[in-house]
Amino acid sequence: MGLLKRSFTFILGLSCGVYAAQNYNIPDVKKLFNTYVFIASYIEKTYHKPKKDDD
């Protein structure tokens, strides 16, 4: 019974996702992720404290 319930939930979610992707303007997750990684690396490089040379 658990396998049937899980597969029904998966198929329902899959079909709702396909419907939403075809009929609505859903942003590309990969592009958003790459943009956020670029912004985070820029902020890290900009505000990172310089290393002290103790020599």
PDB file of N, CA and C in Angstrom:
ATOM      1  N   MET A   1       0.818  -1.197   0.000  1.00  0.00           N
ATOM      2  CA  MET A   1       0.000   0.000   0.000  1.00  0.00           C
ATOM      3  C   MET A   1       0.857   1.254   0.000  1.00  0.00           C
ATOM      4  N   GLY A   2       2.033   1.217   0.650  1.00  0.00           N
ATOM      5  CA  GLY A   2       2.901   2.382   0.708  1.00  0.00           C
ATOM      6  C   GLY A   2       3.464   2.744  -0.657  1.00  0.00           C
ATOM      7  N   LEU A   3       3.805   1.718  -1.456  1.00  0.00           N
ATOM      8  CA  LEU A   3       4.352   1.973  -2.780  1.00  0.00           C
ATOM      9  C   LEU A   3       3.312   2.625  -3.682  1.00  0.00           C
ATOM     10  N   LEU A   4       2.086   2.204  -3.587  1.00  0.00           N
ATOM     11  CA  LEU A   4       1.014   2.783  -4.398  1.00  0.00           C
ATOM     12  C   LEU A   4       0.761   4.236  -4.012  1.00  0.00           C
ATOM     13  N   LYS A   5       0.793   4.521  -2.726  1.00  0.00           N
ATOM     14  CA  LYS A   5       0.564   5.881  -2.254  1.00  0.00           C
ATOM     15  C   LYS A   5       1.703   6.809  -2.676  1.00  0.00           C
ATOM     16  N   ARG A   6       2.936   6.332  -2.567  1.00  0.00           N
ATOM     17  CA  ARG A   6       4.089   7.144  -2.956  1.00  0.00           C
ATOM     18  C   ARG A   6       4.109   7.395  -4.462  1.00  0.00           C
ATOM     19  N   SER A   7       3.804   6.373  -5.237  1.00  0.00           N
ATOM     20  CA  SER A   7       3.816   6.551  -6.687  1.00  0.00           C
ATOM     21  C   SER A   7       2.688   7.479  -7.132  1.00  0.00           C
ATOM     22  N   PHE A   8       1.541   7.420  -6.470  1.00  0.00           N
ATOM     23  CA  PHE A   8       0.448   8.350  -6.787  1.00  0.00           C
ATOM     24  C   PHE A   8       0.855   9.782  -6.477  1.00  0.00           C
ATOM     25  N   THR A   9       1.496   9.996  -5.343  1.00  0.00           N
ATOM     26  CA  THR A   9       1.957  11.332  -4.970  1.00  0.00           C
ATOM     27  C   THR A   9       3.000  11.837  -5.956  1.00  0.00           C
ATOM     28  N   PHE A  10       3.911  10.971  -6.368  1.00  0.00           N
ATOM     29  CA  PHE A  10       4.945  11.344  -7.334  1.00  0.00           C
ATOM     30  C   PHE A  10       4.330  11.721  -8.678  1.00  0.00           C
ATOM     31  N   ILE A  11       3.399  10.914  -9.166  1.00  0.00           N
ATOM     32  CA  ILE A  11       2.757  11.177 -10.463  1.00  0.00           C
ATOM     33  C   ILE A  11       1.928  12.453 -10.403  1.00  0.00           C
ATOM     34  N   LEU A  12       1.254  12.696  -9.293  1.00  0.00           N
ATOM     35  CA  LEU A  12       0.473  13.916  -9.138  1.00  0.00           C
ATOM     36  C   LEU A  12       1.386  15.148  -9.130  1.00  0.00           C
ATOM     37  N   GLY A  13       2.480  15.088  -8.400  1.00  0.00           N
ATOM     38  CA  GLY A  13       3.427  16.195  -8.368  1.00  0.00           C
ATOM     39  C   GLY A  13       4.090  16.429  -9.713  1.00  0.00           C
ATOM     40  N   LEU A  14       4.436  15.360 -10.396  1.00  0.00           N
ATOM     41  CA  LEU A  14       5.039  15.465 -11.712  1.00  0.00           C
ATOM     42  C   LEU A  14       4.092  16.116 -12.704  1.00  0.00           C
ATOM     43  N   SER A  15       2.852  15.683 -12.714  1.00  0.00           N
ATOM     44  CA  SER A  15       1.894  16.262 -13.657  1.00  0.00           C
ATOM     45  C   SER A  15       1.589  17.719 -13.326  1.00  0.00           C
ATOM     46  N   CYS A  16       1.521  18.077 -12.054  1.00  0.00           N
ATOM     47  CA  CYS A  16       1.319  19.487 -11.685  1.00  0.00           C
ATOM     48  C   CYS A  16       2.530  20.326 -12.089  1.00  0.00           C
ATOM     49  N   GLY A  17       3.727  19.800 -11.947  1.00  0.00           N
ATOM     50  CA  GLY A  17       4.933  20.513 -12.351  1.00  0.00           C
ATOM     51  C   GLY A  17       5.012  20.715 -13.851  1.00  0.00           C
ATOM     52  N   VAL A  18       4.636  19.708 -14.608  1.00  0.00           N
ATOM     53  CA  VAL A  18       4.630  19.826 -16.068  1.00  0.00           C
ATOM     54  C   VAL A  18       3.600  20.851 -16.508  1.00  0.00           C
ATOM     55  N   TYR A  19       2.432  20.835 -15.903  1.00  0.00           N
ATOM     56  CA  TYR A  19       1.386  21.806 -16.235  1.00  0.00           C
ATOM     57  C   TYR A  19       1.854  23.229 -15.938  1.00  0.00           C
ATOM     58  N   ALA A  20       2.459  23.436 -14.774  1.00  0.00           N
ATOM     59  CA  ALA A  20       2.931  24.768 -14.398  1.00  0.00           C
ATOM     60  C   ALA A  20       4.051  25.235 -15.328  1.00  0.00           C
ATOM     61  N   ALA A  21       4.958  24.340 -15.706  1.00  0.00           N
ATOM     62  CA  ALA A  21       6.071  24.714 -16.579  1.00  0.00           C
ATOM     63  C   ALA A  21       5.587  25.083 -17.973  1.00  0.00           C
ATOM     64  N   GLN A  22       4.521  24.461 -18.436  1.00  0.00           N
ATOM     65  CA  GLN A  22       4.020  24.750 -19.774  1.00  0.00           C
ATOM     66  C   GLN A  22       3.160  26.006 -19.820  1.00  0.00           C
ATOM     67  N   ASN A  23       2.466  26.328 -18.746  1.00  0.00           N
ATOM     68  CA  ASN A  23       1.489  27.400 -18.793  1.00  0.00           C
ATOM     69  C   ASN A  23       1.892  28.672 -18.060  1.00  0.00           C
ATOM     70  N   TYR A  24       2.954  28.632 -17.283  1.00  0.00           N
ATOM     71  CA  TYR A  24       3.376  29.799 -16.521  1.00  0.00           C
ATOM     72  C   TYR A  24       4.843  30.077 -16.776  1.00  0.00           C
ATOM     73  N   ASN A  25       5.271  31.290 -16.497  1.00  0.00           N
ATOM     74  CA  ASN A  25       6.651  31.694 -16.702  1.00  0.00           C
ATOM     75  C   ASN A  25       7.463  31.326 -15.460  1.00  0.00           C
ATOM     76  N   ILE A  26       7.945  30.103 -15.415  1.00  0.00           N
ATOM     77  CA  ILE A  26       8.725  29.590 -14.295  1.00  0.00           C
ATOM     78  C   ILE A  26      10.194  29.885 -14.566  1.00  0.00           C
ATOM     79  N   PRO A  27      10.917  30.513 -13.611  1.00  0.00           N
ATOM     80  CA  PRO A  27      12.336  30.814 -13.855  1.00  0.00           C
ATOM     81  C   PRO A  27      13.176  29.542 -13.881  1.00  0.00           C
ATOM     82  N   ASP A  28      14.271  29.609 -14.629  1.00  0.00           N
ATOM     83  CA  ASP A  28      15.197  28.486 -14.721  1.00  0.00           C
ATOM     84  C   ASP A  28      16.024  28.432 -13.441  1.00  0.00           C
ATOM     85  N   VAL A  29      15.930  27.347 -12.714  1.00  0.00           N
ATOM     86  CA  VAL A  29      16.580  27.214 -11.415  1.00  0.00           C
ATOM     87  C   VAL A  29      18.097  27.203 -11.559  1.00  0.00           C
ATOM     88  N   LYS A  30      18.602  26.601 -12.602  1.00  0.00           N
ATOM     89  CA  LYS A  30      20.049  26.528 -12.798  1.00  0.00           C
ATOM     90  C   LYS A  30      20.632  27.923 -13.008  1.00  0.00           C
ATOM     91  N   LYS A  31      19.953  28.761 -13.789  1.00  0.00           N
ATOM     92  CA  LYS A  31      20.431  30.122 -14.013  1.00  0.00           C
ATOM     93  C   LYS A  31      20.380  30.931 -12.715  1.00  0.00           C
ATOM     94  N   LEU A  32      19.306  30.770 -11.941  1.00  0.00           N
ATOM     95  CA  LEU A  32      19.206  31.472 -10.670  1.00  0.00           C
ATOM     96  C   LEU A  32      20.314  31.051  -9.713  1.00  0.00           C
ATOM     97  N   PHE A  33      20.581  29.764  -9.645  1.00  0.00           N
ATOM     98  CA  PHE A  33      21.630  29.256  -8.764  1.00  0.00           C
ATOM     99  C   PHE A  33      22.989  29.816  -9.163  1.00  0.00           C
ATOM    100  N   ASN A  34      23.287  29.811 -10.466  1.00  0.00           N
ATOM    101  CA  ASN A  34      24.572  30.342 -10.932  1.00  0.00           C
ATOM    102  C   ASN A  34      24.690  31.831 -10.635  1.00  0.00           C
ATOM    103  N   THR A  35      23.595  32.568 -10.751  1.00  0.00           N
ATOM    104  CA  THR A  35      23.609  33.997 -10.441  1.00  0.00           C
ATOM    105  C   THR A  35      23.895  34.217  -8.962  1.00  0.00           C
ATOM    106  N   TYR A  36      23.249  33.461  -8.095  1.00  0.00           N
ATOM    107  CA  TYR A  36      23.467  33.610  -6.656  1.00  0.00           C
ATOM    108  C   TYR A  36      24.878  33.211  -6.255  1.00  0.00           C
ATOM    109  N   VAL A  37      25.439  32.200  -6.880  1.00  0.00           N
ATOM    110  CA  VAL A  37      26.814  31.804  -6.589  1.00  0.00           C
ATOM    111  C   VAL A  37      27.780  32.902  -7.027  1.00  0.00           C
ATOM    112  N   PHE A  38      27.534  33.513  -8.189  1.00  0.00           N
ATOM    113  CA  PHE A  38      28.379  34.596  -8.664  1.00  0.00           C
ATOM    114  C   PHE A  38      28.316  35.788  -7.711  1.00  0.00           C
ATOM    115  N   ILE A  39      27.121  36.147  -7.269  1.00  0.00           N
ATOM    116  CA  ILE A  39      26.953  37.275  -6.343  1.00  0.00           C
ATOM    117  C   ILE A  39      27.650  36.982  -5.018  1.00  0.00           C
ATOM    118  N   ALA A  40      27.499  35.760  -4.511  1.00  0.00           N
ATOM    119  CA  ALA A  40      28.131  35.395  -3.244  1.00  0.00           C
ATOM    120  C   ALA A  40      29.649  35.432  -3.352  1.00  0.00           C
ATOM    121  N   SER A  41      30.196  34.955  -4.461  1.00  0.00           N
ATOM    122  CA  SER A  41      31.652  34.988  -4.619  1.00  0.00           C
ATOM    123  C   SER A  41      32.150  36.425  -4.772  1.00  0.00           C
ATOM    124  N   TYR A  42      31.388  37.279  -5.441  1.00  0.00           N
ATOM    125  CA  TYR A  42      31.768  38.691  -5.568  1.00  0.00           C
ATOM    126  C   TYR A  42      31.773  39.373  -4.205  1.00  0.00           C
ATOM    127  N   ILE A  43      30.752  39.118  -3.402  1.00  0.00           N
ATOM    128  CA  ILE A  43      30.682  39.707  -2.059  1.00  0.00           C
ATOM    129  C   ILE A  43      31.830  39.195  -1.197  1.00  0.00           C
ATOM    130  N   GLU A  44      32.129  37.905  -1.318  1.00  0.00           N
ATOM    131  CA  GLU A  44      33.227  37.341  -0.531  1.00  0.00           C
ATOM    132  C   GLU A  44      34.564  37.963  -0.920  1.00  0.00           C
ATOM    133  N   LYS A  45      34.804  38.136  -2.204  1.00  0.00           N
ATOM    134  CA  LYS A  45      36.065  38.734  -2.649  1.00  0.00           C
ATOM    135  C   LYS A  45      36.145  40.204  -2.264  1.00  0.00           C
ATOM    136  N   THR A  46      35.017  40.902  -2.293  1.00  0.00           N
ATOM    137  CA  THR A  46      35.013  42.329  -2.010  1.00  0.00           C
ATOM    138  C   THR A  46      35.231  42.618  -0.533  1.00  0.00           C
ATOM    139  N   TYR A  47      34.579  41.888   0.348  1.00  0.00           N
ATOM    140  CA  TYR A  47      34.599  42.198   1.775  1.00  0.00           C
ATOM    141  C   TYR A  47      35.501  41.289   2.594  1.00  0.00           C
ATOM    142  N   HIS A  48      36.316  40.471   1.942  1.00  0.00           N
ATOM    143  CA  HIS A  48      37.209  39.564   2.653  1.00  0.00           C
ATOM    144  C   HIS A  48      38.369  40.360   3.249  1.00  0.00           C
ATOM    145  N   LYS A  49      38.685  40.106   4.512  1.00  0.00           N
ATOM    146  CA  LYS A  49      39.807  40.796   5.156  1.00  0.00           C
ATOM    147  C   LYS A  49      41.115  40.328   4.545  1.00  0.00           C
ATOM    148  N   PRO A  50      42.047  41.256   4.352  1.00  0.00           N
ATOM    149  CA  PRO A  50      43.348  40.835   3.801  1.00  0.00           C
ATOM    150  C   PRO A  50      44.136  40.029   4.840  1.00  0.00           C
ATOM    151  N   LYS A  51      44.969  39.133   4.349  1.00  0.00           N
ATOM    152  CA  LYS A  51      45.803  38.319   5.247  1.00  0.00           C
ATOM    153  C   LYS A  51      46.910  39.177   5.828  1.00  0.00           C
ATOM    154  N   LYS A  52      47.205  38.934   7.108  1.00  0.00           N
ATOM    155  CA  LYS A  52      48.289  39.637   7.762  1.00  0.00           C
ATOM    156  C   LYS A  52      49.574  38.842   7.575  1.00  0.00           C
ATOM    157  N   ASP A  53      50.657  39.553   7.271  1.00  0.00           N
ATOM    158  CA  ASP A  53      51.955  38.928   7.188  1.00  0.00           C
ATOM    159  C   ASP A  53      52.685  39.153   8.498  1.00  0.00           C
ATOM    160  N   ASP A  54      52.876  38.100   9.286  1.00  0.00           N
ATOM    161  CA  ASP A  54      53.527  38.202  10.593  1.00  0.00           C
ATOM    162  C   ASP A  54      55.035  38.028  10.494  1.00  0.00           C
ATOM    163  N   ASP A  55      55.564  37.869   9.300  1.00  0.00           N
ATOM    164  CA  ASP A  55      57.008  37.656   9.139  1.00  0.00           C
ATOM    165  C   ASP A  55      57.795  38.916   9.291  1.00  0.00           C
TER     166      ASP A  55
END
